[in-house]
Amino acid sequence: MKKLKNIPKFKTEEEGKEFWLNNDSTEYINWEKSSLVSFPNLKPSTKTISLRLPEFLLNDIKTIANKRDVPYQSLIKRKN
């Protein structure tokens, strides 16, 4: 088993992103000992946008959302 390098401390998130873009994580992390984790309360970042839709499409979306008993904006944001 090879010796792993220490992960440096990053001053900013941008500095961390730059580091991982230019370095191989297998030199720092033993992925064979990794396991899957779940973050059920983690909320993704959101960004407000303006979206123009044909009126008939918006009406269709609202109809589908009403049948599913969810707000139409939530229906639009759903992944699947």
C-alpha atoms as a PDB file:
ATOM      1  CA  MET A   1       0.000   0.000   0.000  1.00  0.00           C
ATOM      2  CA  LYS A   2       1.425   3.341  -0.984  1.00  0.00           C
ATOM      3  CA  LYS A   3       1.758   6.228   1.443  1.00  0.00           C
ATOM      4  CA  LEU A   4      -0.937   8.835   0.952  1.00  0.00           C
ATOM      5  CA  LYS A   5      -0.174  12.527   0.772  1.00  0.00           C
ATOM      6  CA  ASN A   6      -1.765  14.931   3.266  1.00  0.00           C
ATOM      7  CA  ILE A   7      -4.634  17.002   1.903  1.00  0.00           C
ATOM      8  CA  PRO A   8      -3.676  20.668   2.208  1.00  0.00           C
ATOM      9  CA  LYS A   9      -5.799  23.220   4.053  1.00  0.00           C
ATOM     10  CA  PHE A  10      -7.610  25.543   1.680  1.00  0.00           C
ATOM     11  CA  LYS A  11      -8.263  29.197   2.443  1.00  0.00           C
ATOM     12  CA  THR A  12     -11.209  29.398   0.054  1.00  0.00           C
ATOM     13  CA  GLU A  13     -13.586  27.033  -1.717  1.00  0.00           C
ATOM     14  CA  GLU A  14     -12.168  28.277  -5.019  1.00  0.00           C
ATOM     15  CA  GLU A  15      -8.661  27.274  -3.930  1.00  0.00           C
ATOM     16  CA  GLY A  16      -9.944  23.780  -3.106  1.00  0.00           C
ATOM     17  CA  LYS A  17     -11.676  23.452  -6.476  1.00  0.00           C
ATOM     18  CA  GLU A  18      -8.500  24.487  -8.274  1.00  0.00           C
ATOM     19  CA  PHE A  19      -6.457  21.969  -6.288  1.00  0.00           C
ATOM     20  CA  TRP A  20      -8.738  19.015  -7.079  1.00  0.00           C
ATOM     21  CA  LEU A  21      -8.919  19.994 -10.759  1.00  0.00           C
ATOM     22  CA  ASN A  22      -5.139  19.684 -10.982  1.00  0.00           C
ATOM     23  CA  ASN A  23      -4.393  16.752  -8.637  1.00  0.00           C
ATOM     24  CA  ASP A  24      -5.230  13.049  -8.611  1.00  0.00           C
ATOM     25  CA  SER A  25      -7.377  12.225  -5.573  1.00  0.00           C
ATOM     26  CA  THR A  26      -5.958   8.676  -5.386  1.00  0.00           C
ATOM     27  CA  GLU A  27      -2.689  10.216  -4.153  1.00  0.00           C
ATOM     28  CA  TYR A  28      -4.590  11.646  -1.162  1.00  0.00           C
ATOM     29  CA  ILE A  29      -7.507   9.286  -0.497  1.00  0.00           C
ATOM     30  CA  ASN A  30      -7.695   5.490  -0.208  1.00  0.00           C
ATOM     31  CA  TRP A  31     -10.893   4.924  -2.174  1.00  0.00           C
ATOM     32  CA  GLU A  32     -10.846   1.172  -1.397  1.00  0.00           C
ATOM     33  CA  LYS A  33     -11.797   2.021   2.196  1.00  0.00           C
ATOM     34  CA  SER A  34     -14.521   4.467   1.164  1.00  0.00           C
ATOM     35  CA  SER A  35     -18.231   3.918   1.677  1.00  0.00           C
ATOM     36  CA  LEU A  36     -21.384   5.546   0.400  1.00  0.00           C
ATOM     37  CA  VAL A  37     -22.991   8.165   2.602  1.00  0.00           C
ATOM     38  CA  SER A  38     -26.284   9.980   2.452  1.00  0.00           C
ATOM     39  CA  PHE A  39     -26.977  13.619   3.301  1.00  0.00           C
ATOM     40  CA  PRO A  40     -30.787  13.685   3.490  1.00  0.00           C
ATOM     41  CA  ASN A  41     -31.011  17.242   4.842  1.00  0.00           C
ATOM     42  CA  LEU A  42     -28.544  18.805   2.415  1.00  0.00           C
ATOM     43  CA  LYS A  43     -30.304  21.318   0.198  1.00  0.00           C
ATOM     44  CA  PRO A  44     -28.845  22.074  -3.231  1.00  0.00           C
ATOM     45  CA  SER A  45     -27.914  25.628  -4.098  1.00  0.00           C
ATOM     46  CA  THR A  46     -30.595  27.428  -6.032  1.00  0.00           C
ATOM     47  CA  LYS A  47     -30.580  30.336  -8.413  1.00  0.00           C
ATOM     48  CA  THR A  48     -33.542  32.489  -9.349  1.00  0.00           C
ATOM     49  CA  ILE A  49     -34.193  32.641 -13.071  1.00  0.00           C
ATOM     50  CA  SER A  50     -36.783  34.116 -15.367  1.00  0.00           C
ATOM     51  CA  LEU A  51     -38.259  31.595 -17.753  1.00  0.00           C
ATOM     52  CA  ARG A  52     -40.603  32.387 -20.607  1.00  0.00           C
ATOM     53  CA  LEU A  53     -42.934  29.543 -21.565  1.00  0.00           C
ATOM     54  CA  PRO A  54     -45.758  29.397 -24.044  1.00  0.00           C
ATOM     55  CA  GLU A  55     -49.020  29.938 -22.179  1.00  0.00           C
ATOM     56  CA  PHE A  56     -50.390  26.528 -23.212  1.00  0.00           C
ATOM     57  CA  LEU A  57     -47.315  24.801 -21.768  1.00  0.00           C
ATOM     58  CA  LEU A  58     -47.591  26.645 -18.458  1.00  0.00           C
ATOM     59  CA  ASN A  59     -51.287  25.731 -18.305  1.00  0.00           C
ATOM     60  CA  ASP A  60     -50.431  22.064 -18.947  1.00  0.00           C
ATOM     61  CA  ILE A  61     -47.802  22.151 -16.189  1.00  0.00           C
ATOM     62  CA  LYS A  62     -50.296  23.710 -13.771  1.00  0.00           C
ATOM     63  CA  THR A  63     -52.884  21.057 -14.631  1.00  0.00           C
ATOM     64  CA  ILE A  64     -50.402  18.223 -14.015  1.00  0.00           C
ATOM     65  CA  ALA A  65     -49.232  19.840 -10.765  1.00  0.00           C
ATOM     66  CA  ASN A  66     -52.827  20.198  -9.596  1.00  0.00           C
ATOM     67  CA  LYS A  67     -53.479  16.495 -10.273  1.00  0.00           C
ATOM     68  CA  ARG A  68     -50.374  15.612  -8.233  1.00  0.00           C
ATOM     69  CA  ASP A  69     -51.343  18.123  -5.523  1.00  0.00           C
ATOM     70  CA  VAL A  70     -48.028  20.017  -5.697  1.00  0.00           C
ATOM     71  CA  PRO A  71     -47.225  23.635  -6.542  1.00  0.00           C
ATOM     72  CA  TYR A  72     -46.409  24.001 -10.232  1.00  0.00           C
ATOM     73  CA  GLN A  73     -43.017  25.598  -9.464  1.00  0.00           C
ATOM     74  CA  SER A  74     -42.090  22.513  -7.408  1.00  0.00           C
ATOM     75  CA  LEU A  75     -43.154  20.252 -10.250  1.00  0.00           C
ATOM     76  CA  ILE A  76     -40.887  22.141 -12.657  1.00  0.00           C
ATOM     77  CA  LYS A  77     -37.935  21.771 -10.241  1.00  0.00           C
ATOM     78  CA  ARG A  78     -38.360  18.011  -9.807  1.00  0.00           C
ATOM     79  CA  LYS A  79     -35.601  15.853 -11.189  1.00  0.00           C
ATOM     80  CA  ASN A  80     -37.904  13.008 -12.210  1.00  0.00           C
END
